[in-house]
Structure formats: structure tokens, C-alpha cells
Amino acid sequence: MIADKLTGKQYVGSAYGDECIWQRWSAYAKDGHGGNRELQNLLSERGEKYKYNFKYSILEVCNMNLGNEYIIGRESYWKEVLQTREFGLNKN
């Protein structure tokens, strides 16, 4: 989960595939948005240095052998629980 420390809005994502969380967090560290449109828009509006207002957290650790569909399902679960589609930075 990525939380904007200034607004409190949250983004929930998942990491799966060969490199899992390392690949995802490397992308966020590089550009601040990891391809997420809402984070891209936020950084575009407020400037690249705004990414330093983001706090990163791991909500759940899953066994990679459970498969991508399972992990995507858990991502959806956390989006529902934290209401990040309605009040946060998730639009899907």
C-alpha cells in the first residue's frame, strides 16, 4: 500500500510474477508511480518531488506458488476493505 502522508489517500497494489515485490518497489523508487495513473496524475500536478510524501507498507505476504489470480484477488480484497476505489487512489 502507498499512502499519501499529506492527504491520507491510499493506493493498494500487488506484486506477482518472477520478481514479485522487488520489481514493483523498484519501479516506484524509480519514478514514484510504478505506472499507476492516479499516482502519475498526482506527481504531474504537484511535481516529481511530491513522491517523498508517500509511505510504503506491506499489507500481506502471500506464497508465490498460489498463483497470480489469487494474489490479484487479495489485492481486490484490500481495495474493498480500505475503500481505496471510493476514497483513495485506485480506480480499478
PDB file of N, CA and C in Angstrom:
ATOM      1  N   MET A   1       0.846  -1.168   0.000  1.00  0.00           N
ATOM      2  CA  MET A   1       0.000   0.000   0.000  1.00  0.00           C
ATOM      3  C   MET A   1       0.894   1.234   0.000  1.00  0.00           C
ATOM      4  N   ILE A   2       0.466   2.226  -0.721  1.00  0.00           N
ATOM      5  CA  ILE A   2       1.152   3.520  -0.712  1.00  0.00           C
ATOM      6  C   ILE A   2       0.174   4.532  -0.135  1.00  0.00           C
ATOM      7  N   ALA A   3       0.596   5.245   0.875  1.00  0.00           N
ATOM      8  CA  ALA A   3      -0.239   6.275   1.487  1.00  0.00           C
ATOM      9  C   ALA A   3       0.386   7.637   1.249  1.00  0.00           C
ATOM     10  N   ASP A   4      -0.448   8.583   0.840  1.00  0.00           N
ATOM     11  CA  ASP A   4      -0.023   9.970   0.700  1.00  0.00           C
ATOM     12  C   ASP A   4      -0.097  10.585   2.095  1.00  0.00           C
ATOM     13  N   LYS A   5       1.031  10.906   2.670  1.00  0.00           N
ATOM     14  CA  LYS A   5       1.077  11.413   4.045  1.00  0.00           C
ATOM     15  C   LYS A   5       0.419  12.775   4.193  1.00  0.00           C
ATOM     16  N   LEU A   6       0.252  13.524   3.117  1.00  0.00           N
ATOM     17  CA  LEU A   6      -0.375  14.842   3.217  1.00  0.00           C
ATOM     18  C   LEU A   6      -1.895  14.781   3.124  1.00  0.00           C
ATOM     19  N   THR A   7      -2.428  13.868   2.296  1.00  0.00           N
ATOM     20  CA  THR A   7      -3.875  13.800   2.111  1.00  0.00           C
ATOM     21  C   THR A   7      -4.510  12.601   2.798  1.00  0.00           C
ATOM     22  N   GLY A   8      -3.713  11.591   3.108  1.00  0.00           N
ATOM     23  CA  GLY A   8      -4.241  10.364   3.693  1.00  0.00           C
ATOM     24  C   GLY A   8      -4.797   9.387   2.672  1.00  0.00           C
ATOM     25  N   LYS A   9      -4.841   9.764   1.405  1.00  0.00           N
ATOM     26  CA  LYS A   9      -5.334   8.856   0.378  1.00  0.00           C
ATOM     27  C   LYS A   9      -4.364   7.692   0.209  1.00  0.00           C
ATOM     28  N   GLN A  10      -4.948   6.526  -0.086  1.00  0.00           N
ATOM     29  CA  GLN A  10      -4.145   5.315  -0.184  1.00  0.00           C
ATOM     30  C   GLN A  10      -4.287   4.673  -1.565  1.00  0.00           C
ATOM     31  N   TYR A  11      -3.252   3.942  -1.945  1.00  0.00           N
ATOM     32  CA  TYR A  11      -3.237   3.148  -3.164  1.00  0.00           C
ATOM     33  C   TYR A  11      -2.846   1.726  -2.786  1.00  0.00           C
ATOM     34  N   VAL A  12      -3.610   0.761  -3.238  1.00  0.00           N
ATOM     35  CA  VAL A  12      -3.297  -0.642  -2.998  1.00  0.00           C
ATOM     36  C   VAL A  12      -2.898  -1.276  -4.318  1.00  0.00           C
ATOM     37  N   GLY A  13      -1.771  -1.946  -4.314  1.00  0.00           N
ATOM     38  CA  GLY A  13      -1.300  -2.671  -5.486  1.00  0.00           C
ATOM     39  C   GLY A  13      -0.842  -4.050  -5.079  1.00  0.00           C
ATOM     40  N   SER A  14      -0.485  -4.837  -6.066  1.00  0.00           N
ATOM     41  CA  SER A  14       0.014  -6.181  -5.773  1.00  0.00           C
ATOM     42  C   SER A  14       1.282  -6.422  -6.572  1.00  0.00           C
ATOM     43  N   ALA A  15       2.006  -7.420  -6.148  1.00  0.00           N
ATOM     44  CA  ALA A  15       3.256  -7.773  -6.818  1.00  0.00           C
ATOM     45  C   ALA A  15       3.259  -9.280  -7.034  1.00  0.00           C
ATOM     46  N   TYR A  16       3.450  -9.677  -8.275  1.00  0.00           N
ATOM     47  CA  TYR A  16       3.496 -11.095  -8.610  1.00  0.00           C
ATOM     48  C   TYR A  16       4.385 -11.281  -9.830  1.00  0.00           C
ATOM     49  N   GLY A  17       4.577 -12.496 -10.218  1.00  0.00           N
ATOM     50  CA  GLY A  17       5.476 -12.781 -11.325  1.00  0.00           C
ATOM     51  C   GLY A  17       6.848 -13.171 -10.801  1.00  0.00           C
ATOM     52  N   ASP A  18       7.817 -13.196 -11.683  1.00  0.00           N
ATOM     53  CA  ASP A  18       9.148 -13.696 -11.345  1.00  0.00           C
ATOM     54  C   ASP A  18       9.845 -12.897 -10.254  1.00  0.00           C
ATOM     55  N   GLU A  19       9.742 -11.575 -10.298  1.00  0.00           N
ATOM     56  CA  GLU A  19      10.497 -10.750  -9.352  1.00  0.00           C
ATOM     57  C   GLU A  19       9.646 -10.170  -8.229  1.00  0.00           C
ATOM     58  N   CYS A  20       8.379 -10.402  -8.267  1.00  0.00           N
ATOM     59  CA  CYS A  20       7.434 -10.003  -7.212  1.00  0.00           C
ATOM     60  C   CYS A  20       7.660  -8.579  -6.695  1.00  0.00           C
ATOM     61  N   ILE A  21       7.761  -8.463  -5.395  1.00  0.00           N
ATOM     62  CA  ILE A  21       7.788  -7.142  -4.758  1.00  0.00           C
ATOM     63  C   ILE A  21       9.031  -6.341  -5.133  1.00  0.00           C
ATOM     64  N   TRP A  22      10.139  -7.011  -5.372  1.00  0.00           N
ATOM     65  CA  TRP A  22      11.357  -6.291  -5.741  1.00  0.00           C
ATOM     66  C   TRP A  22      11.137  -5.479  -7.015  1.00  0.00           C
ATOM     67  N   GLN A  23      10.538  -6.072  -8.013  1.00  0.00           N
ATOM     68  CA  GLN A  23      10.285  -5.377  -9.288  1.00  0.00           C
ATOM     69  C   GLN A  23       9.334  -4.205  -9.081  1.00  0.00           C
ATOM     70  N   ARG A  24       8.245  -4.430  -8.320  1.00  0.00           N
ATOM     71  CA  ARG A  24       7.253  -3.372  -8.121  1.00  0.00           C
ATOM     72  C   ARG A  24       7.856  -2.186  -7.373  1.00  0.00           C
ATOM     73  N   TRP A  25       8.534  -2.457  -6.267  1.00  0.00           N
ATOM     74  CA  TRP A  25       9.072  -1.355  -5.476  1.00  0.00           C
ATOM     75  C   TRP A  25      10.223  -0.675  -6.186  1.00  0.00           C
ATOM     76  N   SER A  26      10.941  -1.393  -7.025  1.00  0.00           N
ATOM     77  CA  SER A  26      11.987  -0.757  -7.833  1.00  0.00           C
ATOM     78  C   SER A  26      11.368   0.252  -8.787  1.00  0.00           C
ATOM     79  N   ALA A  27      10.226  -0.110  -9.372  1.00  0.00           N
ATOM     80  CA  ALA A  27       9.527   0.808 -10.278  1.00  0.00           C
ATOM     81  C   ALA A  27       9.052   2.049  -9.530  1.00  0.00           C
ATOM     82  N   TYR A  28       8.492   1.864  -8.335  1.00  0.00           N
ATOM     83  CA  TYR A  28       8.045   3.015  -7.549  1.00  0.00           C
ATOM     84  C   TYR A  28       9.220   3.895  -7.143  1.00  0.00           C
ATOM     85  N   ALA A  29      10.324   3.285  -6.780  1.00  0.00           N
ATOM     86  CA  ALA A  29      11.505   4.059  -6.386  1.00  0.00           C
ATOM     87  C   ALA A  29      12.051   4.857  -7.557  1.00  0.00           C
ATOM     88  N   LYS A  30      11.958   4.301  -8.744  1.00  0.00           N
ATOM     89  CA  LYS A  30      12.497   4.964  -9.935  1.00  0.00           C
ATOM     90  C   LYS A  30      11.675   6.182 -10.336  1.00  0.00           C
ATOM     91  N   ASP A  31      10.344   6.001 -10.437  1.00  0.00           N
ATOM     92  CA  ASP A  31       9.534   7.092 -10.982  1.00  0.00           C
ATOM     93  C   ASP A  31       8.452   7.620 -10.043  1.00  0.00           C
ATOM     94  N   GLY A  32       8.259   6.971  -8.901  1.00  0.00           N
ATOM     95  CA  GLY A  32       7.279   7.456  -7.933  1.00  0.00           C
ATOM     96  C   GLY A  32       5.863   6.986  -8.160  1.00  0.00           C
ATOM     97  N   HIS A  33       5.574   6.360  -9.324  1.00  0.00           N
ATOM     98  CA  HIS A  33       4.202   5.958  -9.600  1.00  0.00           C
ATOM     99  C   HIS A  33       4.054   4.516 -10.055  1.00  0.00           C
ATOM    100  N   GLY A  34       5.103   3.878 -10.519  1.00  0.00           N
ATOM    101  CA  GLY A  34       5.033   2.480 -10.924  1.00  0.00           C
ATOM    102  C   GLY A  34       3.998   2.191 -11.986  1.00  0.00           C
ATOM    103  N   GLY A  35       3.598   3.202 -12.743  1.00  0.00           N
ATOM    104  CA  GLY A  35       2.618   3.024 -13.809  1.00  0.00           C
ATOM    105  C   GLY A  35       1.183   3.298 -13.403  1.00  0.00           C
ATOM    106  N   ASN A  36       0.922   3.559 -12.131  1.00  0.00           N
ATOM    107  CA  ASN A  36      -0.440   3.854 -11.682  1.00  0.00           C
ATOM    108  C   ASN A  36      -0.844   5.244 -12.143  1.00  0.00           C
ATOM    109  N   ARG A  37      -1.970   5.343 -12.830  1.00  0.00           N
ATOM    110  CA  ARG A  37      -2.412   6.624 -13.403  1.00  0.00           C
ATOM    111  C   ARG A  37      -2.708   7.689 -12.362  1.00  0.00           C
ATOM    112  N   GLU A  38      -3.340   7.294 -11.262  1.00  0.00           N
ATOM    113  CA  GLU A  38      -3.666   8.281 -10.231  1.00  0.00           C
ATOM    114  C   GLU A  38      -2.394   8.847  -9.601  1.00  0.00           C
ATOM    115  N   LEU A  39      -1.410   8.004  -9.361  1.00  0.00           N
ATOM    116  CA  LEU A  39      -0.139   8.493  -8.826  1.00  0.00           C
ATOM    117  C   LEU A  39       0.589   9.339  -9.864  1.00  0.00           C
ATOM    118  N   GLN A  40       0.516   8.940 -11.129  1.00  0.00           N
ATOM    119  CA  GLN A  40       1.116   9.739 -12.209  1.00  0.00           C
ATOM    120  C   GLN A  40       0.497  11.130 -12.245  1.00  0.00           C
ATOM    121  N   ASN A  41      -0.830  11.193 -12.181  1.00  0.00           N
ATOM    122  CA  ASN A  41      -1.520  12.485 -12.206  1.00  0.00           C
ATOM    123  C   ASN A  41      -1.128  13.344 -11.013  1.00  0.00           C
ATOM    124  N   LEU A  42      -1.047  12.730  -9.864  1.00  0.00           N
ATOM    125  CA  LEU A  42      -0.673  13.451  -8.640  1.00  0.00           C
ATOM    126  C   LEU A  42       0.725  14.048  -8.777  1.00  0.00           C
ATOM    127  N   LEU A  43       1.670  13.255  -9.275  1.00  0.00           N
ATOM    128  CA  LEU A  43       3.039  13.745  -9.443  1.00  0.00           C
ATOM    129  C   LEU A  43       3.122  14.790 -10.548  1.00  0.00           C
ATOM    130  N   SER A  44       2.300  14.636 -11.568  1.00  0.00           N
ATOM    131  CA  SER A  44       2.274  15.624 -12.645  1.00  0.00           C
ATOM    132  C   SER A  44       1.766  16.978 -12.132  1.00  0.00           C
ATOM    133  N   GLU A  45       0.746  16.934 -11.286  1.00  0.00           N
ATOM    134  CA  GLU A  45       0.164  18.155 -10.735  1.00  0.00           C
ATOM    135  C   GLU A  45       1.074  18.826  -9.703  1.00  0.00           C
ATOM    136  N   ARG A  46       1.686  18.015  -8.851  1.00  0.00           N
ATOM    137  CA  ARG A  46       2.419  18.564  -7.706  1.00  0.00           C
ATOM    138  C   ARG A  46       3.933  18.524  -7.832  1.00  0.00           C
ATOM    139  N   GLY A  47       4.425  17.909  -8.902  1.00  0.00           N
ATOM    140  CA  GLY A  47       5.868  17.837  -9.122  1.00  0.00           C
ATOM    141  C   GLY A  47       6.454  16.512  -8.672  1.00  0.00           C
ATOM    142  N   GLU A  48       7.566  16.150  -9.287  1.00  0.00           N
ATOM    143  CA  GLU A  48       8.196  14.852  -9.040  1.00  0.00           C
ATOM    144  C   GLU A  48       8.602  14.645  -7.584  1.00  0.00           C
ATOM    145  N   LYS A  49       9.011  15.701  -6.917  1.00  0.00           N
ATOM    146  CA  LYS A  49       9.465  15.568  -5.526  1.00  0.00           C
ATOM    147  C   LYS A  49       8.324  15.236  -4.563  1.00  0.00           C
ATOM    148  N   TYR A  50       7.089  15.345  -5.040  1.00  0.00           N
ATOM    149  CA  TYR A  50       5.948  15.005  -4.193  1.00  0.00           C
ATOM    150  C   TYR A  50       5.992  13.541  -3.771  1.00  0.00           C
ATOM    151  N   LYS A  51       6.690  12.705  -4.543  1.00  0.00           N
ATOM    152  CA  LYS A  51       6.777  11.276  -4.213  1.00  0.00           C
ATOM    153  C   LYS A  51       7.394  11.039  -2.836  1.00  0.00           C
ATOM    154  N   TYR A  52       8.100  12.004  -2.318  1.00  0.00           N
ATOM    155  CA  TYR A  52       8.692  11.854  -0.995  1.00  0.00           C
ATOM    156  C   TYR A  52       7.647  11.948   0.120  1.00  0.00           C
ATOM    157  N   ASN A  53       6.407  12.272  -0.240  1.00  0.00           N
ATOM    158  CA  ASN A  53       5.303  12.277   0.716  1.00  0.00           C
ATOM    159  C   ASN A  53       4.629  10.914   0.807  1.00  0.00           C
ATOM    160  N   PHE A  54       5.084   9.943   0.036  1.00  0.00           N
ATOM    161  CA  PHE A  54       4.467   8.626   0.025  1.00  0.00           C
ATOM    162  C   PHE A  54       5.097   7.718   1.082  1.00  0.00           C
ATOM    163  N   LYS A  55       4.254   6.992   1.770  1.00  0.00           N
ATOM    164  CA  LYS A  55       4.702   5.999   2.746  1.00  0.00           C
ATOM    165  C   LYS A  55       4.313   4.623   2.216  1.00  0.00           C
ATOM    166  N   TYR A  56       5.263   3.708   2.200  1.00  0.00           N
ATOM    167  CA  TYR A  56       5.057   2.377   1.639  1.00  0.00           C
ATOM    168  C   TYR A  56       4.890   1.362   2.759  1.00  0.00           C
ATOM    169  N   SER A  57       3.900   0.472   2.597  1.00  0.00           N
ATOM    170  CA  SER A  57       3.629  -0.561   3.591  1.00  0.00           C
ATOM    171  C   SER A  57       3.272  -1.870   2.897  1.00  0.00           C
ATOM    172  N   ILE A  58       3.592  -2.973   3.538  1.00  0.00           N
ATOM    173  CA  ILE A  58       3.182  -4.289   3.059  1.00  0.00           C
ATOM    174  C   ILE A  58       1.965  -4.703   3.873  1.00  0.00           C
ATOM    175  N   LEU A  59       0.858  -4.948   3.185  1.00  0.00           N
ATOM    176  CA  LEU A  59      -0.366  -5.352   3.874  1.00  0.00           C
ATOM    177  C   LEU A  59      -0.424  -6.847   4.129  1.00  0.00           C
ATOM    178  N   GLU A  60       0.136  -7.618   3.205  1.00  0.00           N
ATOM    179  CA  GLU A  60       0.032  -9.065   3.307  1.00  0.00           C
ATOM    180  C   GLU A  60       1.150  -9.703   2.492  1.00  0.00           C
ATOM    181  N   VAL A  61       1.679 -10.794   2.975  1.00  0.00           N
ATOM    182  CA  VAL A  61       2.672 -11.568   2.247  1.00  0.00           C
ATOM    183  C   VAL A  61       2.015 -12.887   1.847  1.00  0.00           C
ATOM    184  N   CYS A  62       2.091 -13.203   0.547  1.00  0.00           N
ATOM    185  CA  CYS A  62       1.475 -14.429   0.033  1.00  0.00           C
ATOM    186  C   CYS A  62       2.540 -15.347  -0.548  1.00  0.00           C
ATOM    187  N   ASN A  63       2.244 -16.597  -0.549  1.00  0.00           N
ATOM    188  CA  ASN A  63       3.095 -17.585  -1.192  1.00  0.00           C
ATOM    189  C   ASN A  63       2.981 -17.413  -2.707  1.00  0.00           C
ATOM    190  N   MET A  64       4.090 -17.220  -3.390  1.00  0.00           N
ATOM    191  CA  MET A  64       4.080 -17.023  -4.847  1.00  0.00           C
ATOM    192  C   MET A  64       3.479 -18.216  -5.583  1.00  0.00           C
ATOM    193  N   ASN A  65       3.528 -19.392  -4.983  1.00  0.00           N
ATOM    194  CA  ASN A  65       3.022 -20.591  -5.634  1.00  0.00           C
ATOM    195  C   ASN A  65       1.498 -20.628  -5.698  1.00  0.00           C
ATOM    196  N   LEU A  66       0.831 -19.716  -5.018  1.00  0.00           N
ATOM    197  CA  LEU A  66      -0.626 -19.662  -5.063  1.00  0.00           C
ATOM    198  C   LEU A  66      -1.139 -19.135  -6.395  1.00  0.00           C
ATOM    199  N   GLY A  67      -0.291 -18.463  -7.149  1.00  0.00           N
ATOM    200  CA  GLY A  67      -0.658 -18.002  -8.485  1.00  0.00           C
ATOM    201  C   GLY A  67      -1.086 -16.547  -8.532  1.00  0.00           C
ATOM    202  N   ASN A  68      -0.973 -15.989  -9.729  1.00  0.00           N
ATOM    203  CA  ASN A  68      -1.289 -14.576  -9.941  1.00  0.00           C
ATOM    204  C   ASN A  68      -2.745 -14.248  -9.643  1.00  0.00           C
ATOM    205  N   GLU A  69      -3.664 -15.137 -10.036  1.00  0.00           N
ATOM    206  CA  GLU A  69      -5.088 -14.868  -9.814  1.00  0.00           C
ATOM    207  C   GLU A  69      -5.407 -14.739  -8.330  1.00  0.00           C
ATOM    208  N   TYR A  70      -4.799 -15.584  -7.520  1.00  0.00           N
ATOM    209  CA  TYR A  70      -5.014 -15.499  -6.077  1.00  0.00           C
ATOM    210  C   TYR A  70      -4.514 -14.164  -5.539  1.00  0.00           C
ATOM    211  N   ILE A  71      -3.331 -13.767  -5.965  1.00  0.00           N
ATOM    212  CA  ILE A  71      -2.743 -12.514  -5.480  1.00  0.00           C
ATOM    213  C   ILE A  71      -3.564 -11.316  -5.936  1.00  0.00           C
ATOM    214  N   ILE A  72      -4.041 -11.337  -7.160  1.00  0.00           N
ATOM    215  CA  ILE A  72      -4.902 -10.256  -7.650  1.00  0.00           C
ATOM    216  C   ILE A  72      -6.207 -10.215  -6.851  1.00  0.00           C
ATOM    217  N   GLY A  73      -6.713 -11.371  -6.484  1.00  0.00           N
ATOM    218  CA  GLY A  73      -7.912 -11.429  -5.632  1.00  0.00           C
ATOM    219  C   GLY A  73      -7.675 -10.808  -4.266  1.00  0.00           C
ATOM    220  N   ARG A  74      -6.513 -11.047  -3.695  1.00  0.00           N
ATOM    221  CA  ARG A  74      -6.176 -10.445  -2.402  1.00  0.00           C
ATOM    222  C   ARG A  74      -6.025  -8.932  -2.535  1.00  0.00           C
ATOM    223  N   GLU A  75      -5.458  -8.489  -3.652  1.00  0.00           N
ATOM    224  CA  GLU A  75      -5.362  -7.048  -3.907  1.00  0.00           C
ATOM    225  C   GLU A  75      -6.761  -6.432  -3.917  1.00  0.00           C
ATOM    226  N   SER A  76      -7.682  -7.067  -4.609  1.00  0.00           N
ATOM    227  CA  SER A  76      -9.060  -6.575  -4.672  1.00  0.00           C
ATOM    228  C   SER A  76      -9.696  -6.551  -3.284  1.00  0.00           C
ATOM    229  N   TYR A  77      -9.426  -7.579  -2.498  1.00  0.00           N
ATOM    230  CA  TYR A  77      -9.935  -7.624  -1.119  1.00  0.00           C
ATOM    231  C   TYR A  77      -9.492  -6.392  -0.337  1.00  0.00           C
ATOM    232  N   TRP A  78      -8.201  -6.071  -0.386  1.00  0.00           N
ATOM    233  CA  TRP A  78      -7.683  -4.928   0.368  1.00  0.00           C
ATOM    234  C   TRP A  78      -8.239  -3.607  -0.159  1.00  0.00           C
ATOM    235  N   LYS A  79      -8.462  -3.519  -1.461  1.00  0.00           N
ATOM    236  CA  LYS A  79      -9.087  -2.306  -2.022  1.00  0.00           C
ATOM    237  C   LYS A  79     -10.482  -2.111  -1.449  1.00  0.00           C
ATOM    238  N   GLU A  80     -11.202  -3.217  -1.298  1.00  0.00           N
ATOM    239  CA  GLU A  80     -12.550  -3.143  -0.722  1.00  0.00           C
ATOM    240  C   GLU A  80     -12.503  -2.769   0.754  1.00  0.00           C
ATOM    241  N   VAL A  81     -11.655  -3.440   1.505  1.00  0.00           N
ATOM    242  CA  VAL A  81     -11.561  -3.193   2.950  1.00  0.00           C
ATOM    243  C   VAL A  81     -11.159  -1.748   3.245  1.00  0.00           C
ATOM    244  N   LEU A  82     -10.181  -1.249   2.506  1.00  0.00           N
ATOM    245  CA  LEU A  82      -9.673   0.109   2.754  1.00  0.00           C
ATOM    246  C   LEU A  82     -10.413   1.185   1.952  1.00  0.00           C
ATOM    247  N   GLN A  83     -11.350   0.763   1.118  1.00  0.00           N
ATOM    248  CA  GLN A  83     -12.174   1.657   0.289  1.00  0.00           C
ATOM    249  C   GLN A  83     -11.323   2.590  -0.571  1.00  0.00           C
ATOM    250  N   THR A  84     -10.258   2.044  -1.137  1.00  0.00           N
ATOM    251  CA  THR A  84      -9.356   2.888  -1.928  1.00  0.00           C
ATOM    252  C   THR A  84      -9.900   3.214  -3.308  1.00  0.00           C
ATOM    253  N   ARG A  85     -10.917   2.498  -3.744  1.00  0.00           N
ATOM    254  CA  ARG A  85     -11.552   2.868  -5.018  1.00  0.00           C
ATOM    255  C   ARG A  85     -12.442   4.095  -4.826  1.00  0.00           C
ATOM    256  N   GLU A  86     -13.136   4.141  -3.712  1.00  0.00           N
ATOM    257  CA  GLU A  86     -14.064   5.243  -3.444  1.00  0.00           C
ATOM    258  C   GLU A  86     -13.359   6.485  -2.912  1.00  0.00           C
ATOM    259  N   PHE A  87     -12.377   6.287  -2.034  1.00  0.00           N
ATOM    260  CA  PHE A  87     -11.781   7.409  -1.315  1.00  0.00           C
ATOM    261  C   PHE A  87     -10.273   7.520  -1.473  1.00  0.00           C
ATOM    262  N   GLY A  88      -9.697   6.656  -2.290  1.00  0.00           N
ATOM    263  CA  GLY A  88      -8.241   6.647  -2.418  1.00  0.00           C
ATOM    264  C   GLY A  88      -7.773   6.851  -3.841  1.00  0.00           C
ATOM    265  N   LEU A  89      -6.693   6.188  -4.155  1.00  0.00           N
ATOM    266  CA  LEU A  89      -6.009   6.387  -5.435  1.00  0.00           C
ATOM    267  C   LEU A  89      -6.136   5.191  -6.377  1.00  0.00           C
ATOM    268  N   ASN A  90      -7.063   4.278  -6.103  1.00  0.00           N
ATOM    269  CA  ASN A  90      -7.323   3.158  -7.011  1.00  0.00           C
ATOM    270  C   ASN A  90      -8.580   3.459  -7.821  1.00  0.00           C
ATOM    271  N   LYS A  91      -8.502   3.240  -9.112  1.00  0.00           N
ATOM    272  CA  LYS A  91      -9.674   3.432  -9.962  1.00  0.00           C
ATOM    273  C   LYS A  91     -10.140   2.117 -10.576  1.00  0.00           C
ATOM    274  N   ASN A  92      -9.419   1.043 -10.362  1.00  0.00           N
ATOM    275  CA  ASN A  92      -9.837  -0.254 -10.899  1.00  0.00           C
ATOM    276  C   ASN A  92     -10.150  -1.225  -9.780  1.00  0.00           C
TER     277      ASN A  92
END
